[in-house]
Amino acid sequence: MYTFPTMKKLQITTPELKKMLEEGRKVVLLDVREAYEHEQSNIGGVPMPLNQLRRRFRELDADQEIVVYCTRGNRSAYAANFLAQRGFKKVRTLVGGLKDWPLQSAPVFDPKDPLR
């Protein structure tokens, strides 16, 4: 029988994620927003809209550390729970989503930026 992890266990804050990235930790950033949202701005994540997650989650490595993000954190929380139920043990959701990212002085990448 599957035991649901507590949402607190699945959460990561912007400062925690920023620190992980600065330390060079290998983490997959999974953007579950719609394609047009990803094109507008992102933090370097792999685009996989939430409505495609059920059929595409096998493209992800269940052994890798994954941080799921969206705009406010609702879709990413659902996605992280979904992945955890399917055996992804190192999956977390970005608390507050991208709306909190700029407030924490972390860069948001413009996909059209040639320096990215």
Protein backbone atom coordinates (compact mmCIF):
# COMPACT_ATOMS: atom_id res chain seq x y z
CA MET A 1 0.00 0.00 0.00
CA TYR A 2 1.34 3.44 -0.97
CA THR A 3 1.75 6.04 1.76
CA PHE A 4 1.44 9.62 0.58
CA PRO A 5 4.38 11.79 1.54
CA THR A 6 3.53 14.92 3.44
CA MET A 7 3.51 18.00 1.24
CA LYS A 8 6.12 19.59 3.52
CA LYS A 9 8.54 16.80 2.62
CA LEU A 10 7.99 17.49 -1.08
CA GLN A 11 8.62 21.24 -0.83
CA ILE A 12 11.69 23.32 -1.60
CA THR A 13 11.99 27.09 -1.23
CA THR A 14 13.54 29.50 -3.72
CA PRO A 15 16.62 30.15 -1.50
CA GLU A 16 17.14 26.38 -1.05
CA LEU A 17 16.92 25.75 -4.80
CA LYS A 18 19.17 28.70 -5.58
CA LYS A 19 21.78 27.31 -3.15
CA MET A 20 21.58 23.86 -4.75
CA LEU A 21 22.16 25.36 -8.19
CA GLU A 22 25.03 27.54 -6.96
CA GLU A 23 26.67 24.46 -5.42
CA GLY A 24 26.46 22.76 -8.80
CA ARG A 25 24.19 19.96 -7.61
CA LYS A 26 22.73 17.97 -10.46
CA VAL A 27 19.00 18.65 -10.45
CA VAL A 28 16.37 18.42 -13.15
CA LEU A 29 14.13 21.47 -13.23
CA LEU A 30 10.72 20.42 -14.54
CA ASP A 31 8.44 23.20 -15.80
CA VAL A 32 4.81 22.01 -15.76
CA ARG A 33 3.37 25.27 -17.10
CA GLU A 34 1.93 25.60 -20.59
CA ALA A 35 4.37 26.01 -23.51
CA TYR A 36 3.55 29.69 -23.97
CA GLU A 37 4.35 30.33 -20.28
CA HIS A 38 7.68 28.54 -20.61
CA GLU A 39 8.51 30.60 -23.70
CA GLN A 40 7.79 33.85 -21.82
CA SER A 41 10.20 33.06 -18.98
CA ASN A 42 11.71 30.10 -17.21
CA ILE A 43 14.56 29.11 -14.92
CA GLY A 44 16.09 26.70 -17.37
CA GLY A 45 13.60 23.92 -16.84
CA VAL A 46 12.53 21.05 -19.04
CA PRO A 47 9.07 21.90 -20.38
CA MET A 48 6.44 19.24 -19.68
CA PRO A 49 2.98 20.80 -19.27
CA LEU A 50 0.90 19.29 -16.51
CA ASN A 51 -1.70 18.04 -19.00
CA GLN A 52 1.06 15.93 -20.64
CA LEU A 53 2.62 14.58 -17.45
CA ARG A 54 0.52 11.40 -17.22
CA ARG A 55 1.67 10.18 -20.62
CA ARG A 56 5.21 11.60 -20.55
CA PHE A 57 6.47 11.02 -16.98
CA ARG A 58 8.42 7.92 -18.10
CA GLU A 59 10.76 10.28 -19.99
CA LEU A 60 12.10 11.32 -16.58
CA ASP A 61 14.66 9.39 -14.56
CA ALA A 62 13.07 8.38 -11.25
CA ASP A 63 16.52 8.25 -9.62
CA GLN A 64 17.41 11.87 -10.41
CA GLU A 65 16.69 14.80 -8.15
CA ILE A 66 13.78 16.71 -9.69
CA VAL A 67 12.37 20.11 -8.74
CA VAL A 68 8.99 20.81 -10.33
CA TYR A 69 7.86 24.38 -10.82
CA CYS A 70 4.97 26.40 -12.21
CA THR A 71 3.74 29.96 -11.72
CA ARG A 72 2.38 29.83 -8.15
CA GLY A 73 3.12 26.30 -6.97
CA ASN A 74 -0.29 24.65 -7.37
CA ARG A 75 0.36 22.70 -10.56
CA SER A 76 3.85 21.77 -9.43
CA ALA A 77 2.52 20.43 -6.11
CA TYR A 78 0.08 18.21 -8.00
CA ALA A 79 2.86 17.07 -10.36
CA ALA A 80 5.30 16.33 -7.51
CA ASN A 81 2.65 14.26 -5.73
CA PHE A 82 1.86 12.42 -8.96
CA LEU A 83 5.54 11.59 -9.51
CA ALA A 84 6.06 10.58 -5.87
CA GLN A 85 3.17 8.13 -6.18
CA ARG A 86 4.99 6.56 -9.13
CA GLY A 87 8.23 5.94 -7.28
CA PHE A 88 10.11 9.21 -7.77
CA LYS A 89 11.80 9.53 -4.38
CA LYS A 90 13.79 12.73 -5.00
CA VAL A 91 11.02 14.97 -6.35
CA ARG A 92 10.13 18.33 -4.83
CA THR A 93 7.89 21.27 -5.68
CA LEU A 94 9.08 24.87 -5.71
CA VAL A 95 7.07 26.67 -3.02
CA GLY A 96 5.48 29.83 -4.40
CA GLY A 97 6.51 28.94 -7.94
CA LEU A 98 8.08 31.46 -10.27
CA LYS A 99 6.08 34.31 -8.76
CA ASP A 100 8.44 34.15 -5.76
CA TRP A 101 11.60 33.53 -7.78
CA PRO A 102 12.41 37.17 -8.74
CA LEU A 103 11.58 38.33 -5.22
CA GLN A 104 14.41 36.15 -3.92
CA SER A 105 16.97 37.78 -6.29
CA ALA A 106 17.40 34.67 -8.39
CA PRO A 107 17.64 35.02 -12.18
CA VAL A 108 14.73 34.24 -14.46
CA PHE A 109 15.90 33.20 -17.90
CA ASP A 110 14.47 34.61 -21.09
CA PRO A 111 14.47 31.70 -23.60
CA LYS A 112 15.16 34.19 -26.39
CA ASP A 113 18.34 35.40 -24.70
CA PRO A 114 21.29 34.27 -26.84
CA LEU A 115 23.57 34.11 -23.79
CA ARG A 116 21.49 31.42 -22.10
